[in-house]
Amino acid sequence: MRKFTMLLIVMLACLVLTVPAFAQGAEPAHAASGPNWVAITSGFAMALAVALAALGQSRVAASACEGLARNPAARPGIQLALILGLAFIESLVLFTLVIIFVKVA
């Protein structure tokens, strides 16, 4: 319970400290200077999504191979689950890419 309370206090402190950042006035569009942080962070987001998807796909493939080695008669069910799982994992990466295109453009 003590750890939860400390976590709650730290999260509350972080939220309180972010308020001044949102209180700043908006810059005019022609006066924008500095790096485009949305593009930079979206690159990191895409890299993270692809890395975790690759890890997930490798685990799915390894589990499918292990399942086939243990029970070769279950091949159709395992193959269906493998292809469906890989498609879902890859779709999450594509959704991340679409969100990045919408945010940056």
Protein backbone atom coordinates (compact mmCIF):
# COMPACT_ATOMS: atom_id res chain seq x y z
CA MET A 1 0.00 0.00 0.00
CA ARG A 2 2.91 2.33 0.74
CA LYS A 3 4.36 1.85 -2.75
CA PHE A 4 1.01 2.61 -4.33
CA THR A 5 0.66 5.79 -2.28
CA MET A 6 4.15 6.93 -3.24
CA LEU A 7 3.44 6.21 -6.92
CA LEU A 8 0.22 8.18 -6.70
CA ILE A 9 2.00 11.15 -5.11
CA VAL A 10 4.74 11.11 -7.76
CA MET A 11 2.18 10.96 -10.57
CA LEU A 12 0.23 13.83 -9.01
CA ALA A 13 3.42 15.89 -8.71
CA CYS A 14 4.22 15.27 -12.38
CA LEU A 15 0.74 16.38 -13.39
CA VAL A 16 0.99 19.55 -11.31
CA LEU A 17 4.38 20.42 -12.78
CA THR A 18 3.15 20.08 -16.37
CA VAL A 19 0.48 22.77 -15.99
CA PRO A 20 2.85 25.73 -16.71
CA ALA A 21 3.90 24.13 -19.98
CA PHE A 22 0.31 24.18 -21.21
CA ALA A 23 -0.25 27.76 -20.02
CA GLN A 24 2.08 29.25 -22.63
CA GLY A 25 0.59 31.15 -25.51
CA ALA A 26 0.50 29.67 -28.97
CA GLU A 27 3.07 30.84 -31.50
CA PRO A 28 1.94 32.11 -34.87
CA ALA A 29 2.40 29.62 -37.70
CA HIS A 30 4.99 31.75 -39.51
CA ALA A 31 7.14 32.11 -36.36
CA ALA A 32 7.63 28.37 -35.84
CA SER A 33 11.28 27.63 -35.20
CA GLY A 34 13.28 24.74 -33.90
CA PRO A 35 12.95 21.06 -34.56
CA ASN A 36 9.67 19.39 -35.42
CA TRP A 37 9.22 17.33 -32.27
CA VAL A 38 6.19 15.50 -33.61
CA ALA A 39 8.21 14.10 -36.50
CA ILE A 40 11.13 13.18 -34.24
CA THR A 41 9.01 11.43 -31.63
CA SER A 42 6.95 9.68 -34.29
CA GLY A 43 10.17 8.19 -35.65
CA PHE A 44 10.97 6.82 -32.20
CA ALA A 45 7.39 5.55 -31.85
CA MET A 46 7.61 3.72 -35.14
CA ALA A 47 10.97 2.21 -34.21
CA LEU A 48 9.57 1.03 -30.88
CA ALA A 49 6.45 -0.41 -32.53
CA VAL A 50 8.47 -2.28 -35.15
CA ALA A 51 10.94 -3.62 -32.58
CA LEU A 52 8.22 -4.92 -30.28
CA ALA A 53 6.26 -6.35 -33.20
CA ALA A 54 9.36 -8.20 -34.38
CA LEU A 55 9.81 -9.59 -30.89
CA GLY A 56 6.18 -10.66 -30.79
CA GLN A 57 6.35 -12.26 -34.21
CA SER A 58 9.45 -14.22 -33.26
CA ARG A 59 7.73 -15.49 -30.12
CA VAL A 60 4.63 -16.48 -32.10
CA ALA A 61 6.73 -18.35 -34.65
CA ALA A 62 8.77 -20.08 -31.95
CA SER A 63 5.63 -21.16 -30.12
CA ALA A 64 4.11 -22.45 -33.35
CA CYS A 65 7.24 -24.48 -34.13
CA GLU A 66 7.26 -25.86 -30.61
CA GLY A 67 3.59 -26.79 -30.88
CA LEU A 68 4.14 -28.51 -34.21
CA ALA A 69 7.09 -30.44 -32.78
CA ARG A 70 4.99 -31.66 -29.85
CA ASN A 71 1.88 -32.52 -31.84
CA PRO A 72 2.23 -32.71 -35.63
CA ALA A 73 -1.41 -33.73 -36.00
CA ALA A 74 -2.55 -30.30 -34.81
CA ARG A 75 -0.92 -28.60 -37.80
CA PRO A 76 -4.06 -27.00 -39.32
CA GLY A 77 -5.13 -25.35 -36.06
CA ILE A 78 -1.63 -24.18 -35.22
CA GLN A 79 -1.07 -22.85 -38.73
CA LEU A 80 -4.34 -20.90 -38.62
CA ALA A 81 -3.48 -19.41 -35.22
CA LEU A 82 0.05 -18.60 -36.44
CA ILE A 83 -1.09 -16.74 -39.54
CA LEU A 84 -3.87 -14.93 -37.67
CA GLY A 85 -1.49 -13.91 -34.86
CA LEU A 86 1.13 -12.64 -37.30
CA ALA A 87 -1.50 -10.66 -39.20
CA PHE A 88 -2.75 -9.02 -35.98
CA ILE A 89 0.77 -8.15 -34.86
CA GLU A 90 1.63 -6.65 -38.24
CA SER A 91 -1.63 -4.69 -38.30
CA LEU A 92 -0.65 -2.97 -35.05
CA VAL A 93 2.52 -1.70 -36.73
CA LEU A 94 0.51 -0.48 -39.71
CA PHE A 95 -1.94 1.29 -37.38
CA THR A 96 1.03 3.03 -35.76
CA LEU A 97 2.24 4.10 -39.20
CA VAL A 98 -1.20 5.49 -40.11
CA ILE A 99 -1.41 7.42 -36.84
CA ILE A 100 2.04 8.88 -37.47
CA PHE A 101 1.04 10.01 -40.98
CA VAL A 102 -2.10 11.65 -39.59
CA LYS A 103 -0.18 13.45 -36.81
CA VAL A 104 2.75 14.65 -38.91
CA ALA A 105 0.83 15.72 -42.02
